Protein backbone atom coordinates (compact mmCIF):
# COMPACT_ATOMS: atom_id res chain seq x y z
CA MET A 1 49.18 38.17 188.29
CA ASN A 2 46.07 36.14 187.55
CA ILE A 3 44.46 34.37 184.58
CA ILE A 4 41.19 35.65 183.11
CA SER A 5 39.58 33.17 180.71
CA ILE A 6 36.60 34.42 178.63
CA ASP A 7 34.14 32.37 176.63
CA LEU A 8 31.85 34.37 174.36
CA PRO A 9 29.76 34.37 171.21
CA TRP A 10 31.30 35.62 168.05
CA GLU A 11 28.13 37.78 167.35
CA GLU A 12 28.18 40.77 169.73
CA LYS A 13 24.37 41.34 169.55
CA ARG A 14 23.74 37.74 170.92
CA LYS A 15 22.64 37.98 174.52
CA GLY A 16 23.81 35.60 177.16
CA ARG A 17 26.33 32.76 176.38
CA ARG A 18 29.32 34.62 178.09
CA ALA A 19 31.23 33.07 180.76
CA ILE A 20 34.36 34.41 182.61
CA VAL A 21 36.73 32.54 184.77
CA VAL A 22 39.26 34.13 187.10
CA ALA A 23 42.15 31.91 188.20
CA GLY A 24 45.13 32.35 190.43
CA LEU A 25 48.57 30.69 190.19
CA ASP A 26 47.49 28.62 193.20
CA ARG A 27 44.64 27.24 190.94
CA HIS A 28 41.86 28.69 192.83
CA ILE A 29 39.04 29.42 190.19
CA GLU A 30 35.92 31.42 190.22
CA VAL A 31 33.35 31.12 187.40
CA CYS A 32 30.80 33.75 186.54
CA GLN A 33 28.26 34.31 183.71
CA ALA A 34 27.54 37.72 181.86
CA THR A 35 24.51 38.65 179.77
CA ASP A 36 26.32 40.92 177.37
CA ASP A 37 29.69 42.46 176.64
CA ALA A 38 29.22 45.44 178.95
CA GLU A 39 28.73 43.20 181.92
CA LEU A 40 31.55 40.94 180.73
CA GLY A 41 33.90 44.07 180.61
CA ARG A 42 32.85 45.00 184.11
CA LEU A 43 33.68 41.66 185.48
CA ALA A 44 36.99 41.59 183.77
CA ARG A 45 37.92 45.02 185.04
CA VAL A 46 37.29 44.25 188.70
CA SER A 47 39.41 41.16 188.22
CA PHE A 48 42.40 42.79 186.76
CA GLU A 49 45.88 42.45 188.29
CA PRO A 50 49.24 43.69 187.10
CA GLY A 51 50.39 41.50 184.20
CA SER A 52 47.08 39.63 184.03
CA ILE A 53 46.96 36.97 181.28
CA ILE A 54 43.79 37.16 179.40
CA LEU A 55 42.47 34.47 177.15
CA LEU A 56 39.70 35.13 174.57
CA ASP A 57 37.81 32.09 172.84
CA ILE A 58 37.41 34.06 169.54
CA PRO A 59 39.69 34.71 166.54
CA ILE A 60 41.92 37.64 167.17
CA ASP A 61 44.54 38.18 164.45
CA GLY A 62 44.43 37.19 160.86
CA THR A 63 40.83 37.69 160.10
CA ASP A 64 41.57 40.81 158.13
CA THR A 65 43.90 38.95 155.81
CA LEU A 66 41.64 36.17 154.66
CA ARG A 67 41.10 37.47 151.15
CA GLY A 68 37.82 35.69 150.71
CA GLN A 69 38.92 32.52 152.51
CA HIS A 70 37.31 31.20 155.74
CA PHE A 71 40.39 29.76 157.54
CA ARG A 72 43.79 31.06 158.57
CA PRO A 73 47.03 29.01 158.33
CA VAL A 74 46.85 28.23 162.01
CA ASP A 75 43.30 26.91 161.61
CA ARG A 76 44.15 24.77 158.72
CA ALA A 77 47.23 23.36 160.51
CA LEU A 78 45.10 22.39 163.53
CA SER A 79 42.52 20.77 161.34
CA ARG A 80 45.16 18.56 159.89
CA GLN A 81 45.75 17.32 163.48
CA THR A 82 42.04 16.64 163.86
CA LEU A 83 41.44 19.79 165.75
CA PRO A 84 38.80 21.34 163.45
CA ALA A 85 37.85 24.99 163.86
CA LEU A 86 34.80 26.96 162.84
CA PRO A 87 35.14 29.35 159.87
CA VAL A 88 36.91 32.33 161.42
CA SER A 89 35.57 34.61 158.74
CA ARG A 90 32.32 34.79 160.80
CA ALA A 91 34.15 36.56 163.68
CA GLY A 92 35.08 39.65 161.77
CA ASN A 93 37.25 41.99 163.83
CA ARG A 94 35.44 41.43 167.09
CA GLY A 95 38.45 39.66 168.70
CA ARG A 96 40.87 42.64 167.93
CA ARG A 97 38.36 45.07 169.35
CA LEU A 98 37.87 43.21 172.46
CA ARG A 99 41.70 42.88 172.88
CA ALA A 100 42.16 46.59 172.39
CA ALA A 101 39.57 47.38 174.97
CA LEU A 102 41.19 45.05 177.44
CA ARG A 103 44.61 46.46 176.95
CA ARG A 104 43.23 49.96 177.27
CA ASP A 105 41.81 49.06 180.69
CA ASN A 106 44.81 47.02 181.84
CA ASN A 107 48.10 48.28 180.51
CA GLY A 108 50.69 45.44 180.67
CA CYS A 109 48.23 42.62 180.44
CA ARG A 110 48.92 39.75 178.00
CA VAL A 111 45.97 38.75 175.69
CA TYR A 112 45.92 35.46 173.84
CA GLU A 113 43.44 33.62 171.64
CA MET A 114 42.56 30.12 173.01
CA TYR A 115 40.69 27.20 171.62
CA PRO A 116 38.73 25.22 174.30
CA TYR A 117 38.17 22.18 172.21
CA ALA A 118 41.90 21.74 171.47
CA VAL A 119 42.53 21.98 175.22
CA TYR A 120 39.66 19.62 175.90
CA LYS A 121 40.75 16.92 173.46
CA PHE A 122 44.43 17.18 174.64
CA LEU A 123 43.50 16.76 178.32
CA SER A 124 40.83 14.20 177.74
CA TYR A 125 43.19 12.02 175.70
CA LEU A 126 45.85 12.17 178.43
CA GLN A 127 43.15 11.34 181.15
CA GLN A 128 42.02 8.35 179.03
CA ARG A 129 45.67 7.11 178.98
CA LYS A 130 46.27 7.90 182.63
CA LEU A 131 48.89 10.47 181.63
CA LEU A 132 47.36 13.67 182.96
CA HIS A 133 49.78 13.81 185.84
CA CYS A 134 52.79 14.17 183.35
CA LEU A 135 51.81 17.78 182.68
CA ASN A 136 53.02 18.57 186.30
CA ASP A 137 56.49 17.05 185.53
CA ASN A 138 57.39 19.72 182.94
CA ARG A 139 60.00 17.42 181.22
CA PHE A 140 58.40 17.91 177.83
CA ASP A 141 58.03 14.31 176.95
CA THR A 142 56.17 12.50 173.99
CA LEU A 143 52.64 12.07 175.48
CA LEU A 144 50.60 11.69 172.20
CA ASP A 145 50.95 9.42 169.16
CA ASN A 146 49.13 8.69 166.02
CA SER A 147 46.22 7.32 167.91
CA PHE A 148 45.42 10.92 168.79
CA TYR A 149 44.04 11.30 165.26
CA ARG A 150 41.48 8.65 165.92
CA TYR A 151 40.46 9.97 169.39
CA TRP A 152 37.31 12.00 169.53
CA PRO A 153 36.25 13.04 173.02
CA PRO A 154 32.47 13.31 173.75
CA LYS A 155 30.59 16.26 172.32
CA TYR A 156 29.14 18.58 174.87
CA LYS A 157 28.20 21.67 173.08
CA ARG A 158 26.74 20.35 169.72
CA GLU A 159 25.23 17.14 170.91
CA LYS A 160 21.44 17.36 170.11
CA ARG A 161 20.19 14.56 172.27
CA ARG A 162 19.70 15.84 175.80
CA GLU A 163 20.46 12.49 177.62
CA GLN A 164 23.59 12.08 175.61
CA ARG A 165 24.60 15.70 176.17
CA VAL A 166 24.23 15.40 179.92
CA LYS A 167 26.41 12.25 179.87
CA ASN A 168 29.08 14.05 177.72
CA LEU A 169 28.99 17.09 180.10
CA ARG A 170 29.71 14.67 182.97
CA HIS A 171 32.81 13.69 181.18
CA VAL A 172 34.08 17.30 180.97
CA TYR A 173 33.08 17.82 184.64
CA SER A 174 35.21 14.81 185.56
CA LEU A 175 38.12 16.14 183.64
CA LEU A 176 38.01 19.63 185.37
CA THR A 177 37.60 18.15 188.72
CA ASP A 178 40.47 15.56 188.13
CA GLY A 179 42.93 15.75 191.02
CA ASN A 180 45.87 15.78 188.61
CA LEU A 181 44.82 19.27 187.42
CA GLY A 182 44.41 20.47 191.03
CA LEU A 183 41.74 23.06 190.29
CA ARG A 184 40.21 24.62 193.47
CA PHE A 185 36.73 26.09 192.78
CA THR A 186 35.74 29.09 194.90
CA ARG A 187 32.14 27.76 194.55
CA PRO A 188 31.52 24.15 193.73
CA LEU A 189 31.58 23.73 189.91
CA PRO A 190 28.10 22.81 188.85
CA GLY A 191 27.76 19.36 187.48
CA PRO A 192 25.52 18.27 184.57
CA ASP A 193 22.73 17.17 186.98
CA ALA A 194 22.54 20.69 188.53
CA PRO A 195 19.54 22.92 187.79
CA VAL A 196 21.60 24.91 185.27
CA ASN A 197 20.87 25.74 181.60
CA PRO A 198 23.12 23.15 179.76
CA ASP A 199 24.29 25.98 177.36
CA HIS A 200 25.52 28.07 180.28
CA LEU A 201 27.12 25.10 181.84
CA ALA A 202 29.11 24.29 178.57
CA ASP A 203 30.14 27.98 178.25
CA GLY A 204 31.54 27.84 181.92
CA TYR A 205 33.37 24.68 181.21
CA ASP A 206 34.92 26.14 178.00
CA ALA A 207 36.12 29.08 180.02
CA CYS A 208 37.51 26.72 182.62
CA LEU A 209 39.51 24.79 179.99
CA GLY A 210 41.01 28.15 178.84
CA ALA A 211 41.88 28.92 182.39
CA VAL A 212 43.76 25.61 182.69
CA VAL A 213 46.10 26.18 179.73
CA GLY A 214 46.54 29.90 181.06
CA ILE A 215 47.62 28.54 184.52
CA TYR A 216 50.19 26.21 182.83
CA LEU A 217 51.36 29.14 180.70
CA ALA A 218 51.78 31.48 183.73
CA LYS A 219 53.79 28.73 185.47
CA ARG A 220 56.12 28.54 182.30
CA SER A 221 55.15 24.95 181.63
CA ARG A 222 56.96 23.49 178.57
CA TYR A 223 53.64 21.82 177.63
CA THR A 224 52.25 25.13 176.53
CA GLY A 225 52.94 26.79 173.08
CA ILE A 226 51.86 29.64 170.87
CA PHE A 227 50.92 28.37 167.39
CA GLY A 228 51.15 30.65 164.39
CA ASP A 229 52.15 34.32 164.26
CA SER A 230 50.77 37.84 165.14
CA LYS A 231 49.99 38.72 161.55
CA SER A 232 48.13 35.62 160.27
CA GLY A 233 46.85 34.47 163.62
CA SER A 234 48.08 32.53 166.61
CA ILE A 235 46.56 30.36 169.39
CA LEU A 236 47.65 29.33 172.78
CA LEU A 237 47.52 25.54 173.22
CA PHE A 238 48.81 22.64 175.10
CA ILE A 239 51.59 20.62 173.32
CA ASP A 240 53.88 17.74 173.76
CA ARG A 241 56.85 16.73 171.75
CA TRP A 242 54.83 14.82 169.20
CA LEU A 243 52.21 17.58 168.53
CA ALA A 244 54.81 20.18 168.35
CA GLU A 245 56.64 18.22 165.74
CA GLN A 246 53.39 17.67 163.76
CA LEU A 247 52.19 21.28 163.89
CA GLY A 248 55.81 22.56 163.29
CA LYS A 249 55.58 21.17 159.77
CA ASP A 250 52.95 23.71 158.81
CA ILE A 251 53.26 26.75 161.26
CA ALA A 252 55.60 28.41 163.65
CA VAL A 253 55.67 26.80 167.11
CA ASN A 254 56.86 29.07 170.03
CA GLN A 255 57.35 27.06 173.19
CA VAL A 256 57.21 28.89 176.51
CA GLU A 257 60.94 28.73 177.19
CA GLN A 258 61.52 30.53 173.92
CA ARG A 259 59.71 33.60 175.15
CA SER A 260 61.00 36.38 177.17
């Protein structure tokens, strides 16, 4: 079993801006870029293993029941925890079509919606407070508190100023290469000073963030959970005891030990 994390644009016709990360349970990671959905599909198919966990950075369920609204219950619940989402009405049924295609090609795979920014904020907050190592203990402690509401990690995708964006990308790079996460890149992960398009770099980082939560899910970490439900929409996220309690006031929270 492996983890396949995919970052992609919500508009199918948009060229480029696709990254795929293939990760093993040993935390070895390979990052690739794709120009369109056809190439993305080929890269995914050659990476399939029995029981692969596939993560998509795009809304999957619930976009067909919006009834003129732009956000699902899970999106509104996350926003209340200062994890704002884009209007999911823009994605249409693209996520469901992609999931159906992936399941067709790999019977038995598990496909989840993931949200890189939520993963990023959670991990960055822990890194700042020197608590990142706690994820490996799997005791399910309280790691966050109300200061999480006031914490905003550096923007690396929507920052307009180039110098500031490079600085912010350096922060994400330091997080992904933090020894507490233990990621092992098949090829060295490009840093923000490498001769790489910053947009492509950010897409690859997003896919890496998805792979991180996917690895912890595969290892049955209690710090992972599925928020929401299959009808109105659900997202795989990192959680601690505090965040699970806050989100649980608004939506269903299914922790890893509650799943078969």
